[in-house]
Amino acid sequence: MVFHYPNGHPNHYNDTSKQKMQEEAKSTSFANRGMRFEEAINQSNQYYLNHGLAVVHKKPLPLQVVKVDYPKRSAAVIKEAYFKEPSTTDYNGVYKGFYVDFEAKETKNKTSFPFKNFHEHQITHMEKCIKQNGVCFVLLWFSTLKRCFFLDSELLIDYWRNQAQKKSLPLTVIEKNAIEIQPKIAPRIPYLEAVDQHLQTKEKL
């Protein structure tokens, strides 16, 4: 399959690389339950929706399909597609009357979170959301340590803009400034508890 990014450069995925990506995804476990971080968040969002607590969904990728093969009448295989525009953040929705917008990222690093996981258009998008008083944050998953953090986007943006030469955000800084989330059975990633804590802190300022 060929994906063309907004800058016009194609990104080729052959069967070997696709298989490798699938194997890497399967090898990434979530809290020893064999679940990927993104899947855990999606299940958490479904839990929140089912219980009437929040309406949060993963944003679809802005793709324009240009080539499709039909090996069978009942099946279609996308062979080539374009990203219409750079994607923004992973999730958005509404919680207690607040617009929430967040990105979910994971790393195998034990001591820091690489800035390369975030892109200019994502940082710009988060800045715009914050200006509109949206609740904007990132969920950081340290897969090796099996630790999850809620980090206010304002702090991430500050470090990304002003200290990007360091190439990563130290875990010590995250521990000091973020809210650690303890995974549960349901919801698996109870991030709304961290949102509540974040909002309470904002009210006191």
C-alpha atoms as a PDB file:
ATOM      1  CA  MET A   1       0.000   0.000   0.000  1.00  0.00           C
ATOM      2  CA  VAL A   2       1.157   3.548  -0.690  1.00  0.00           C
ATOM      3  CA  PHE A   3       0.212   6.485   1.556  1.00  0.00           C
ATOM      4  CA  HIS A   4       0.945   9.965   0.250  1.00  0.00           C
ATOM      5  CA  TYR A   5       1.517  12.543   2.987  1.00  0.00           C
ATOM      6  CA  PRO A   6       0.464  16.217   2.588  1.00  0.00           C
ATOM      7  CA  ASN A   7       4.022  17.162   1.580  1.00  0.00           C
ATOM      8  CA  GLY A   8       3.617  15.012  -1.530  1.00  0.00           C
ATOM      9  CA  HIS A   9       6.104  12.303  -0.570  1.00  0.00           C
ATOM     10  CA  PRO A  10       4.766   8.763  -0.747  1.00  0.00           C
ATOM     11  CA  ASN A  11       5.249   6.302   2.059  1.00  0.00           C
ATOM     12  CA  HIS A  12       5.461   2.695   0.862  1.00  0.00           C
ATOM     13  CA  TYR A  13       4.243  -0.239   2.909  1.00  0.00           C
ATOM     14  CA  ASN A  14       5.021  -3.641   1.477  1.00  0.00           C
ATOM     15  CA  ASP A  15       3.796  -6.934   2.866  1.00  0.00           C
ATOM     16  CA  THR A  16       7.001  -7.468   4.858  1.00  0.00           C
ATOM     17  CA  SER A  17       6.898  -4.091   6.603  1.00  0.00           C
ATOM     18  CA  LYS A  18       3.174  -4.483   7.235  1.00  0.00           C
ATOM     19  CA  GLN A  19       3.759  -7.864   8.844  1.00  0.00           C
ATOM     20  CA  LYS A  20       6.575  -6.400  10.947  1.00  0.00           C
ATOM     21  CA  MET A  21       4.323  -3.577  12.154  1.00  0.00           C
ATOM     22  CA  GLN A  22       1.606  -6.064  13.082  1.00  0.00           C
ATOM     23  CA  GLU A  23       4.087  -8.194  15.006  1.00  0.00           C
ATOM     24  CA  GLU A  24       5.421  -5.149  16.862  1.00  0.00           C
ATOM     25  CA  ALA A  25       1.877  -4.115  17.744  1.00  0.00           C
ATOM     26  CA  LYS A  26       1.085  -7.567  19.096  1.00  0.00           C
ATOM     27  CA  SER A  27       4.273  -7.590  21.174  1.00  0.00           C
ATOM     28  CA  THR A  28       3.303  -4.357  22.934  1.00  0.00           C
ATOM     29  CA  SER A  29       1.316  -5.474  25.945  1.00  0.00           C
ATOM     30  CA  PHE A  30      -0.802  -3.311  28.187  1.00  0.00           C
ATOM     31  CA  ALA A  31      -0.283  -3.957  31.895  1.00  0.00           C
ATOM     32  CA  ASN A  32       0.480  -7.628  31.165  1.00  0.00           C
ATOM     33  CA  ARG A  33      -2.948  -8.169  29.641  1.00  0.00           C
ATOM     34  CA  GLY A  34      -1.816  -8.310  26.039  1.00  0.00           C
ATOM     35  CA  MET A  35      -3.655  -5.094  25.262  1.00  0.00           C
ATOM     36  CA  ARG A  36      -2.272  -2.145  23.368  1.00  0.00           C
ATOM     37  CA  PHE A  37      -2.451   1.294  24.957  1.00  0.00           C
ATOM     38  CA  GLU A  38      -4.715   2.677  22.234  1.00  0.00           C
ATOM     39  CA  GLU A  39      -7.108  -0.246  22.574  1.00  0.00           C
ATOM     40  CA  ALA A  40      -7.261   0.322  26.318  1.00  0.00           C
ATOM     41  CA  ILE A  41      -8.176   3.982  25.774  1.00  0.00           C
ATOM     42  CA  ASN A  42     -10.814   3.041  23.212  1.00  0.00           C
ATOM     43  CA  GLN A  43     -12.372   0.600  25.657  1.00  0.00           C
ATOM     44  CA  SER A  44     -12.280   3.271  28.354  1.00  0.00           C
ATOM     45  CA  ASN A  45     -14.078   5.701  26.048  1.00  0.00           C
ATOM     46  CA  GLN A  46     -16.730   3.074  25.353  1.00  0.00           C
ATOM     47  CA  TYR A  47     -17.149   2.535  29.099  1.00  0.00           C
ATOM     48  CA  TYR A  48     -17.578   6.274  29.656  1.00  0.00           C
ATOM     49  CA  LEU A  49     -20.085   6.463  26.809  1.00  0.00           C
ATOM     50  CA  ASN A  50     -22.099   3.463  28.009  1.00  0.00           C
ATOM     51  CA  HIS A  51     -22.333   4.934  31.509  1.00  0.00           C
ATOM     52  CA  GLY A  52     -23.277   8.417  30.320  1.00  0.00           C
ATOM     53  CA  LEU A  53     -20.123   9.988  31.733  1.00  0.00           C
ATOM     54  CA  ALA A  54     -18.538  11.451  28.595  1.00  0.00           C
ATOM     55  CA  VAL A  55     -18.651  11.361  24.808  1.00  0.00           C
ATOM     56  CA  VAL A  56     -15.117  10.934  23.517  1.00  0.00           C
ATOM     57  CA  HIS A  57     -14.100   9.298  20.247  1.00  0.00           C
ATOM     58  CA  LYS A  58     -10.939   8.593  18.312  1.00  0.00           C
ATOM     59  CA  LYS A  59     -10.650  10.888  15.311  1.00  0.00           C
ATOM     60  CA  PRO A  60     -10.653   9.167  11.912  1.00  0.00           C
ATOM     61  CA  LEU A  61      -7.595   9.652   9.714  1.00  0.00           C
ATOM     62  CA  PRO A  62      -8.254  12.196   6.927  1.00  0.00           C
ATOM     63  CA  LEU A  63      -7.657   9.822   4.017  1.00  0.00           C
ATOM     64  CA  GLN A  64      -8.568  10.123   0.352  1.00  0.00           C
ATOM     65  CA  VAL A  65      -8.590   6.753  -1.365  1.00  0.00           C
ATOM     66  CA  VAL A  66      -7.342   6.861  -4.974  1.00  0.00           C
ATOM     67  CA  LYS A  67      -6.762   3.202  -5.853  1.00  0.00           C
ATOM     68  CA  VAL A  68      -8.785   0.166  -4.814  1.00  0.00           C
ATOM     69  CA  ASP A  69      -8.534  -3.435  -5.957  1.00  0.00           C
ATOM     70  CA  TYR A  70     -11.472  -5.814  -5.836  1.00  0.00           C
ATOM     71  CA  PRO A  71     -10.046  -9.364  -5.653  1.00  0.00           C
ATOM     72  CA  LYS A  72     -13.513 -10.542  -4.675  1.00  0.00           C
ATOM     73  CA  ARG A  73     -16.941  -9.042  -5.039  1.00  0.00           C
ATOM     74  CA  SER A  74     -17.363  -9.021  -1.291  1.00  0.00           C
ATOM     75  CA  ALA A  75     -13.920  -7.579  -0.539  1.00  0.00           C
ATOM     76  CA  ALA A  76     -12.056  -4.391  -1.414  1.00  0.00           C
ATOM     77  CA  VAL A  77      -8.335  -3.752  -0.845  1.00  0.00           C
ATOM     78  CA  ILE A  78      -7.051  -0.184  -0.666  1.00  0.00           C
ATOM     79  CA  LYS A  79      -3.810   0.016  -2.640  1.00  0.00           C
ATOM     80  CA  GLU A  80      -3.119   3.749  -2.600  1.00  0.00           C
ATOM     81  CA  ALA A  81      -4.384   6.646  -0.514  1.00  0.00           C
ATOM     82  CA  TYR A  82      -3.506  10.225   0.398  1.00  0.00           C
ATOM     83  CA  PHE A  83      -3.575  11.999   3.713  1.00  0.00           C
ATOM     84  CA  LYS A  84      -5.758  15.004   2.885  1.00  0.00           C
ATOM     85  CA  GLU A  85      -4.141  17.007   5.667  1.00  0.00           C
ATOM     86  CA  PRO A  86      -1.888  16.360   8.678  1.00  0.00           C
ATOM     87  CA  SER A  87      -3.759  14.645  11.492  1.00  0.00           C
ATOM     88  CA  THR A  88      -4.175  16.663  14.671  1.00  0.00           C
ATOM     89  CA  THR A  89      -4.614  14.779  17.942  1.00  0.00           C
ATOM     90  CA  ASP A  90      -6.012  11.308  18.559  1.00  0.00           C
ATOM     91  CA  TYR A  91      -9.166  11.993  20.558  1.00  0.00           C
ATOM     92  CA  ASN A  92     -11.761  14.663  21.228  1.00  0.00           C
ATOM     93  CA  GLY A  93     -15.190  14.970  22.780  1.00  0.00           C
ATOM     94  CA  VAL A  94     -17.248  16.475  25.597  1.00  0.00           C
ATOM     95  CA  TYR A  95     -17.068  15.944  29.362  1.00  0.00           C
ATOM     96  CA  LYS A  96     -19.116  17.892  31.918  1.00  0.00           C
ATOM     97  CA  GLY A  97     -19.651  20.680  29.389  1.00  0.00           C
ATOM     98  CA  PHE A  98     -15.936  20.927  28.614  1.00  0.00           C
ATOM     99  CA  TYR A  99     -14.415  20.272  25.223  1.00  0.00           C
ATOM    100  CA  VAL A 100     -11.636  17.722  25.703  1.00  0.00           C
ATOM    101  CA  ASP A 101      -8.891  17.089  23.187  1.00  0.00           C
ATOM    102  CA  PHE A 102      -5.923  14.809  23.736  1.00  0.00           C
ATOM    103  CA  GLU A 103      -3.143  12.798  22.213  1.00  0.00           C
ATOM    104  CA  ALA A 104      -2.047   9.329  23.363  1.00  0.00           C
ATOM    105  CA  LYS A 105       1.590   8.345  23.045  1.00  0.00           C
ATOM    106  CA  GLU A 106       3.771   5.512  24.290  1.00  0.00           C
ATOM    107  CA  THR A 107       7.472   4.812  24.582  1.00  0.00           C
ATOM    108  CA  LYS A 108       9.756   1.998  25.654  1.00  0.00           C
ATOM    109  CA  ASN A 109      12.172   4.504  27.210  1.00  0.00           C
ATOM    110  CA  LYS A 110      12.589   4.250  30.959  1.00  0.00           C
ATOM    111  CA  THR A 111      13.900   7.715  31.807  1.00  0.00           C
ATOM    112  CA  SER A 112      12.312  10.167  29.358  1.00  0.00           C
ATOM    113  CA  PHE A 113       9.663  10.698  26.692  1.00  0.00           C
ATOM    114  CA  PRO A 114      11.078  11.596  23.234  1.00  0.00           C
ATOM    115  CA  PHE A 115       9.869  14.857  21.681  1.00  0.00           C
ATOM    116  CA  LYS A 116       9.983  13.190  18.265  1.00  0.00           C
ATOM    117  CA  ASN A 117       6.676  11.544  19.162  1.00  0.00           C
ATOM    118  CA  PHE A 118       5.019  14.954  18.734  1.00  0.00           C
ATOM    119  CA  HIS A 119       4.815  17.004  15.551  1.00  0.00           C
ATOM    120  CA  GLU A 120       4.540  20.705  14.828  1.00  0.00           C
ATOM    121  CA  HIS A 121       0.958  20.511  13.539  1.00  0.00           C
ATOM    122  CA  GLN A 122      -0.112  18.650  16.703  1.00  0.00           C
ATOM    123  CA  ILE A 123       1.505  21.238  18.964  1.00  0.00           C
ATOM    124  CA  THR A 124      -0.129  24.051  16.970  1.00  0.00           C
ATOM    125  CA  HIS A 125      -3.508  22.321  17.193  1.00  0.00           C
ATOM    126  CA  MET A 126      -3.213  21.965  20.965  1.00  0.00           C
ATOM    127  CA  GLU A 127      -2.261  25.635  21.303  1.00  0.00           C
ATOM    128  CA  LYS A 128      -5.424  26.624  19.409  1.00  0.00           C
ATOM    129  CA  CYS A 129      -7.582  24.381  21.612  1.00  0.00           C
ATOM    130  CA  ILE A 130      -6.104  25.907  24.760  1.00  0.00           C
ATOM    131  CA  LYS A 131      -6.870  29.424  23.474  1.00  0.00           C
ATOM    132  CA  GLN A 132     -10.515  28.362  23.210  1.00  0.00           C
ATOM    133  CA  ASN A 133     -10.425  27.152  26.843  1.00  0.00           C
ATOM    134  CA  GLY A 134     -10.519  23.512  25.836  1.00  0.00           C
ATOM    135  CA  VAL A 135      -9.198  20.828  28.188  1.00  0.00           C
ATOM    136  CA  CYS A 136      -6.140  19.730  26.266  1.00  0.00           C
ATOM    137  CA  PHE A 137      -3.695  17.085  27.434  1.00  0.00           C
ATOM    138  CA  VAL A 138      -1.585  14.076  26.505  1.00  0.00           C
ATOM    139  CA  LEU A 139      -1.670  10.567  27.913  1.00  0.00           C
ATOM    140  CA  LEU A 140       1.848   9.151  28.152  1.00  0.00           C
ATOM    141  CA  TRP A 141       2.413   5.418  28.491  1.00  0.00           C
ATOM    142  CA  PHE A 142       5.823   4.106  29.512  1.00  0.00           C
ATOM    143  CA  SER A 143       5.369   0.538  28.267  1.00  0.00           C
ATOM    144  CA  THR A 144       8.523  -0.852  29.889  1.00  0.00           C
ATOM    145  CA  LEU A 145       7.721   0.690  33.262  1.00  0.00           C
ATOM    146  CA  LYS A 146       3.965   0.121  32.818  1.00  0.00           C
ATOM    147  CA  ARG A 147       3.218   3.645  34.028  1.00  0.00           C
ATOM    148  CA  CYS A 148       0.669   6.059  32.630  1.00  0.00           C
ATOM    149  CA  PHE A 149       0.562   9.847  33.055  1.00  0.00           C
ATOM    150  CA  PHE A 150      -1.863  12.681  32.329  1.00  0.00           C
ATOM    151  CA  LEU A 151       0.162  15.707  31.242  1.00  0.00           C
ATOM    152  CA  ASP A 152      -1.342  19.151  30.670  1.00  0.00           C
ATOM    153  CA  SER A 153      -0.614  20.207  27.091  1.00  0.00           C
ATOM    154  CA  GLU A 154       0.561  23.629  28.258  1.00  0.00           C
ATOM    155  CA  LEU A 155       3.556  22.069  29.991  1.00  0.00           C
ATOM    156  CA  LEU A 156       4.293  19.826  27.008  1.00  0.00           C
ATOM    157  CA  ILE A 157       4.125  22.800  24.629  1.00  0.00           C
ATOM    158  CA  ASP A 158       6.406  24.868  26.841  1.00  0.00           C
ATOM    159  CA  TYR A 159       9.067  22.149  26.902  1.00  0.00           C
ATOM    160  CA  TRP A 160       8.622  21.260  23.231  1.00  0.00           C
ATOM    161  CA  ARG A 161       8.955  24.896  22.117  1.00  0.00           C
ATOM    162  CA  ASN A 162      11.696  26.031  24.485  1.00  0.00           C
ATOM    163  CA  GLN A 163      13.726  22.960  25.338  1.00  0.00           C
ATOM    164  CA  ALA A 164      13.423  20.795  22.234  1.00  0.00           C
ATOM    165  CA  GLN A 165      17.228  20.728  21.963  1.00  0.00           C
ATOM    166  CA  LYS A 166      17.139  18.236  24.817  1.00  0.00           C
ATOM    167  CA  LYS A 167      15.159  15.899  22.523  1.00  0.00           C
ATOM    168  CA  SER A 168      13.074  14.442  25.327  1.00  0.00           C
ATOM    169  CA  LEU A 169      11.016  15.216  28.415  1.00  0.00           C
ATOM    170  CA  PRO A 170      12.660  13.668  31.503  1.00  0.00           C
ATOM    171  CA  LEU A 171      10.582  11.241  33.531  1.00  0.00           C
ATOM    172  CA  THR A 172      11.507  13.195  36.655  1.00  0.00           C
ATOM    173  CA  VAL A 173       9.801  16.284  35.187  1.00  0.00           C
ATOM    174  CA  ILE A 174       6.757  14.232  34.230  1.00  0.00           C
ATOM    175  CA  GLU A 175       6.531  12.711  37.712  1.00  0.00           C
ATOM    176  CA  LYS A 176       6.665  16.180  39.254  1.00  0.00           C
ATOM    177  CA  ASN A 177       4.178  17.915  36.968  1.00  0.00           C
ATOM    178  CA  ALA A 178       1.848  15.226  35.623  1.00  0.00           C
ATOM    179  CA  ILE A 179      -0.891  13.137  37.208  1.00  0.00           C
ATOM    180  CA  GLU A 180      -0.147   9.430  37.321  1.00  0.00           C
ATOM    181  CA  ILE A 181      -3.031   7.199  36.280  1.00  0.00           C
ATOM    182  CA  GLN A 182      -3.402   3.726  37.757  1.00  0.00           C
ATOM    183  CA  PRO A 183      -4.857   1.294  35.171  1.00  0.00           C
ATOM    184  CA  LYS A 184      -7.960  -0.591  36.277  1.00  0.00           C
ATOM    185  CA  ILE A 185     -10.288  -3.239  34.888  1.00  0.00           C
ATOM    186  CA  ALA A 186     -13.096  -0.833  33.975  1.00  0.00           C
ATOM    187  CA  PRO A 187     -12.355   1.691  32.703  1.00  0.00           C
ATOM    188  CA  ARG A 188      -8.894   0.408  31.862  1.00  0.00           C
ATOM    189  CA  ILE A 189      -7.428   3.907  31.647  1.00  0.00           C
ATOM    190  CA  PRO A 190      -9.478   6.036  34.086  1.00  0.00           C
ATOM    191  CA  TYR A 191      -8.217   9.301  32.653  1.00  0.00           C
ATOM    192  CA  LEU A 192     -11.361  11.248  33.574  1.00  0.00           C
ATOM    193  CA  GLU A 193     -10.260  11.025  37.194  1.00  0.00           C
ATOM    194  CA  ALA A 194      -7.120  12.894  36.163  1.00  0.00           C
ATOM    195  CA  VAL A 195      -9.222  15.395  34.188  1.00  0.00           C
ATOM    196  CA  ASP A 196     -11.259  16.087  37.333  1.00  0.00           C
ATOM    197  CA  GLN A 197      -8.094  16.612  39.357  1.00  0.00           C
ATOM    198  CA  HIS A 198      -6.721  18.881  36.629  1.00  0.00           C
ATOM    199  CA  LEU A 199      -9.908  20.980  36.573  1.00  0.00           C
ATOM    200  CA  GLN A 200      -9.896  21.316  40.348  1.00  0.00           C
ATOM    201  CA  THR A 201      -6.316  22.562  40.240  1.00  0.00           C
ATOM    202  CA  LYS A 202      -7.251  25.104  37.540  1.00  0.00           C
ATOM    203  CA  GLU A 203     -10.124  26.420  39.680  1.00  0.00           C
ATOM    204  CA  LYS A 204      -7.762  27.110  42.589  1.00  0.00           C
ATOM    205  CA  LEU A 205      -5.379  29.171  40.445  1.00  0.00           C
END
